[in-house]
Amino acid sequence: MKRYHHPDLRAALMDAALSELTEKGPRRFSLRQVAARAGVSHTAPYRHFQDKDALLAALVRDGLGSLTKSLREANLIPADTARERLGRLGRAYVSFGRRNPRLLTLIFSDLGFGALGAVPPNLPNKSDYDAFGELESTVKACQREGSLDPELDSGVLSLLVWSTVHGLAILFIENVIPAMTAERGLPPEVAESEILRALGEFFYPKERDA
């Protein structure tokens, strides 16, 4: 393979790393394969990343930034209620996972957390990487308007909402939900909308509105 000086080596390595994750998953990820995919020498990654953990930590950081941006953009769309905004966050989260399946899996995995622990990322503005904070602020707004139980701890409720939506995203990624709903004649996009709408009733059933 031809080796050459890359004008933006770091960006090329990040792109190659994402491709490696998409094709092979995080467990088979290696710096040597990333370098080969980027078309550079096997030592080139060490100019920017001291080891595999450093590259994975950078991917997790950038992934969290992209996820937070997606949630924030969904939250900025005008809505009549906070509950409507919460539904949009859920759809944005699932959509992000379907666009970036390996990246979402990496971000919230032992491997991803381990990489962050080994190489804590430099975050100039932590709020730009605070996807959970974006969710919790919306959950609190739902509690204030009464569309989610105001007596529950907002952090615990946010964890419950997040874990449920994350589970949905993984089931979409693994094609479980599309396959099951297809058997019932529902297109994936319709199933996603219906599931997220039903999710609101799960957390705040109609009898509470009476």
Protein backbone atom coordinates (compact mmCIF):
# COMPACT_ATOMS: atom_id res chain seq x y z
CA MET A 1 0.00 0.00 0.00
CA LYS A 2 1.28 3.44 -0.87
CA ARG A 3 2.24 5.55 2.14
CA TYR A 4 2.20 9.31 2.04
CA HIS A 5 2.02 12.42 4.16
CA HIS A 6 -1.61 13.25 4.81
CA PRO A 7 -2.53 16.96 4.92
CA ASP A 8 -5.05 16.35 7.73
CA LEU A 9 -3.90 13.16 9.36
CA ARG A 10 -6.04 13.42 12.47
CA ALA A 11 -9.27 13.86 10.52
CA ALA A 12 -8.31 11.02 8.19
CA LEU A 13 -7.65 8.72 11.15
CA MET A 14 -10.95 9.64 12.78
CA ASP A 15 -12.83 8.92 9.55
CA ALA A 16 -10.98 5.63 9.13
CA ALA A 17 -11.68 4.71 12.74
CA LEU A 18 -15.41 5.28 12.26
CA SER A 19 -15.34 3.09 9.17
CA GLU A 20 -13.51 0.37 11.11
CA LEU A 21 -16.11 0.58 13.86
CA THR A 22 -18.96 0.40 11.36
CA GLU A 23 -17.57 -2.65 9.59
CA LYS A 24 -15.96 -4.60 12.42
CA GLY A 25 -17.28 -3.23 15.69
CA PRO A 26 -15.27 -1.97 18.67
CA ARG A 27 -13.92 -5.36 19.82
CA ARG A 28 -11.93 -5.94 16.61
CA PHE A 29 -10.72 -2.34 16.43
CA SER A 30 -6.96 -1.75 16.07
CA LEU A 31 -4.70 1.20 15.31
CA ARG A 32 -2.86 -0.82 12.67
CA GLN A 33 -6.08 -1.46 10.73
CA VAL A 34 -7.11 2.19 11.08
CA ALA A 35 -3.75 3.27 9.65
CA ALA A 36 -4.08 0.81 6.76
CA ARG A 37 -7.56 2.10 5.96
CA ALA A 38 -6.32 5.71 6.05
CA GLY A 39 -3.45 4.78 3.71
CA VAL A 40 -0.69 5.81 6.09
CA SER A 41 2.09 3.95 7.89
CA HIS A 42 1.22 1.91 10.97
CA THR A 43 3.18 4.37 13.10
CA ALA A 44 1.36 7.47 11.79
CA PRO A 45 -1.55 7.33 14.31
CA TYR A 46 0.90 7.86 17.16
CA ARG A 47 1.51 11.41 15.98
CA HIS A 48 -1.94 12.29 17.35
CA PHE A 49 -2.97 9.38 19.59
CA GLN A 50 -0.72 7.68 22.10
CA ASP A 51 -2.64 4.41 21.85
CA LYS A 52 -5.95 2.83 20.86
CA ASP A 53 -7.67 4.19 23.99
CA ALA A 54 -6.75 7.74 23.03
CA LEU A 55 -8.31 7.34 19.60
CA LEU A 56 -11.42 5.68 21.05
CA ALA A 57 -11.70 8.46 23.65
CA ALA A 58 -11.59 11.04 20.86
CA LEU A 59 -14.33 9.17 19.00
CA VAL A 60 -16.47 9.00 22.14
CA ARG A 61 -15.97 12.72 22.79
CA ASP A 62 -16.87 13.69 19.24
CA GLY A 63 -19.79 11.26 19.28
CA LEU A 64 -21.15 12.77 22.47
CA GLY A 65 -20.79 16.20 20.91
CA SER A 66 -22.73 15.12 17.81
CA LEU A 67 -25.43 13.44 19.90
CA THR A 68 -25.80 16.50 22.13
CA LYS A 69 -26.03 18.74 19.08
CA SER A 70 -28.77 16.53 17.59
CA LEU A 71 -30.77 16.63 20.82
CA ARG A 72 -30.29 20.38 21.21
CA GLU A 73 -31.44 21.05 17.66
CA ALA A 74 -34.55 18.93 18.27
CA ASN A 75 -35.20 20.83 21.49
CA LEU A 76 -35.02 24.19 19.73
CA ILE A 77 -37.90 23.38 17.39
CA PRO A 78 -40.97 25.34 18.63
CA ALA A 79 -43.44 23.13 20.48
CA ASP A 80 -46.68 23.69 22.36
CA THR A 81 -45.61 21.57 25.33
CA ALA A 82 -42.48 20.23 26.97
CA ARG A 83 -43.89 16.76 26.51
CA GLU A 84 -43.88 17.32 22.76
CA ARG A 85 -40.24 18.39 22.97
CA LEU A 86 -39.44 15.24 24.96
CA GLY A 87 -40.96 13.14 22.19
CA ARG A 88 -38.78 14.95 19.67
CA LEU A 89 -35.71 14.22 21.77
CA GLY A 90 -36.63 10.55 21.73
CA ARG A 91 -36.99 10.54 17.96
CA ALA A 92 -33.72 12.47 17.57
CA TYR A 93 -31.92 9.94 19.78
CA VAL A 94 -33.27 6.93 17.86
CA SER A 95 -32.47 8.62 14.53
CA PHE A 96 -28.91 9.35 15.68
CA GLY A 97 -28.49 5.71 16.62
CA ARG A 98 -29.77 4.52 13.26
CA ARG A 99 -27.37 6.87 11.44
CA ASN A 100 -24.41 6.04 13.71
CA PRO A 101 -25.00 2.52 15.06
CA ARG A 102 -21.43 1.57 15.92
CA LEU A 103 -20.67 5.00 17.35
CA LEU A 104 -23.70 4.94 19.67
CA THR A 105 -22.75 1.44 20.80
CA LEU A 106 -19.19 2.59 21.49
CA ILE A 107 -20.19 5.72 23.42
CA PHE A 108 -22.24 3.78 25.96
CA SER A 109 -20.10 0.67 26.33
CA ASP A 110 -17.47 -0.61 28.74
CA LEU A 111 -14.91 -0.09 25.99
CA GLY A 112 -15.92 3.53 25.48
CA PHE A 113 -16.11 4.34 29.18
CA GLY A 114 -12.81 2.55 29.72
CA ALA A 115 -11.13 4.63 27.03
CA LEU A 116 -12.47 7.84 28.58
CA GLY A 117 -11.21 6.71 31.97
CA ALA A 118 -7.76 5.95 30.58
CA VAL A 119 -7.55 9.16 28.53
CA PRO A 120 -9.88 11.84 29.96
CA PRO A 121 -10.83 14.12 27.04
CA ASN A 122 -10.18 17.83 26.98
CA LEU A 123 -13.63 19.42 26.88
CA PRO A 124 -13.41 23.20 26.37
CA ASN A 125 -17.19 23.58 26.82
CA LYS A 126 -18.68 20.65 28.73
CA SER A 127 -22.26 21.66 27.97
CA ASP A 128 -21.61 20.85 24.30
CA TYR A 129 -21.10 17.21 25.31
CA ASP A 130 -23.85 16.94 27.92
CA ALA A 131 -26.52 14.88 26.14
CA PHE A 132 -27.95 13.71 29.46
CA GLY A 133 -28.23 17.30 30.68
CA GLU A 134 -30.23 18.17 27.56
CA LEU A 135 -32.63 15.34 28.39
CA GLU A 136 -32.92 16.17 32.09
CA SER A 137 -33.72 19.84 31.43
CA THR A 138 -36.61 18.71 29.23
CA VAL A 139 -37.78 16.18 31.79
CA LYS A 140 -37.83 18.94 34.42
CA ALA A 141 -39.90 21.11 32.08
CA CYS A 142 -42.33 18.21 31.68
CA GLN A 143 -42.57 17.91 35.46
CA ARG A 144 -43.26 21.63 35.81
CA GLU A 145 -46.10 21.46 33.30
CA GLY A 146 -47.44 18.27 34.88
CA SER A 147 -46.93 15.95 31.93
CA LEU A 148 -44.46 13.87 33.96
CA ASP A 149 -44.85 13.06 37.63
CA PRO A 150 -43.43 16.09 39.53
CA GLU A 151 -42.93 14.00 42.67
CA LEU A 152 -40.26 11.81 41.10
CA ASP A 153 -36.57 12.73 41.21
CA SER A 154 -35.73 14.33 37.86
CA GLY A 155 -32.40 12.52 37.61
CA VAL A 156 -33.93 9.10 38.21
CA LEU A 157 -36.78 9.82 35.81
CA SER A 158 -34.32 11.04 33.17
CA LEU A 159 -32.31 7.83 33.55
CA LEU A 160 -35.47 5.81 33.07
CA VAL A 161 -36.47 7.76 29.95
CA TRP A 162 -32.94 7.63 28.55
CA SER A 163 -32.45 3.91 29.17
CA THR A 164 -35.79 3.13 27.55
CA VAL A 165 -35.11 5.23 24.45
CA HIS A 166 -31.56 3.87 24.25
CA GLY A 167 -32.97 0.35 24.34
CA LEU A 168 -35.32 1.27 21.49
CA ALA A 169 -32.38 2.66 19.50
CA ILE A 170 -30.43 -0.58 19.97
CA LEU A 171 -33.43 -2.68 18.95
CA PHE A 172 -33.74 -0.57 15.79
CA ILE A 173 -29.99 -0.88 15.13
CA GLU A 174 -30.16 -4.67 15.46
CA ASN A 175 -33.21 -4.70 13.14
CA VAL A 176 -35.40 -6.31 15.81
CA ILE A 177 -38.16 -3.68 15.77
CA PRO A 178 -38.24 -3.24 11.97
CA ALA A 179 -38.48 -7.02 11.50
CA MET A 180 -41.21 -7.47 14.09
CA THR A 181 -43.28 -4.50 12.95
CA ALA A 182 -42.89 -5.48 9.29
CA GLU A 183 -44.69 -8.72 10.15
CA ARG A 184 -47.60 -6.53 11.26
CA GLY A 185 -47.52 -4.42 8.11
CA LEU A 186 -45.98 -1.33 9.74
CA PRO A 187 -43.13 0.53 7.96
CA PRO A 188 -40.15 1.27 10.30
CA GLU A 189 -40.78 5.05 10.35
CA VAL A 190 -44.43 4.52 11.34
CA ALA A 191 -43.44 2.00 13.99
CA GLU A 192 -40.88 4.43 15.42
CA SER A 193 -43.44 7.23 15.65
CA GLU A 194 -46.06 4.99 17.25
CA ILE A 195 -43.62 3.50 19.74
CA LEU A 196 -42.39 6.90 20.88
CA ARG A 197 -45.95 8.18 21.17
CA ALA A 198 -46.85 5.14 23.28
CA LEU A 199 -43.77 5.79 25.38
CA GLY A 200 -45.31 9.05 26.60
CA GLU A 201 -48.37 7.17 27.80
CA PHE A 202 -46.14 4.63 29.52
CA PHE A 203 -44.50 7.31 31.65
CA TYR A 204 -47.63 9.37 32.17
CA PRO A 205 -50.82 7.36 31.56
CA LYS A 206 -54.05 9.14 30.63
CA GLU A 207 -55.74 8.37 33.94
CA ARG A 208 -53.33 10.83 35.60
CA ASP A 209 -54.73 13.60 33.39
CA ALA A 210 -58.25 13.14 34.75
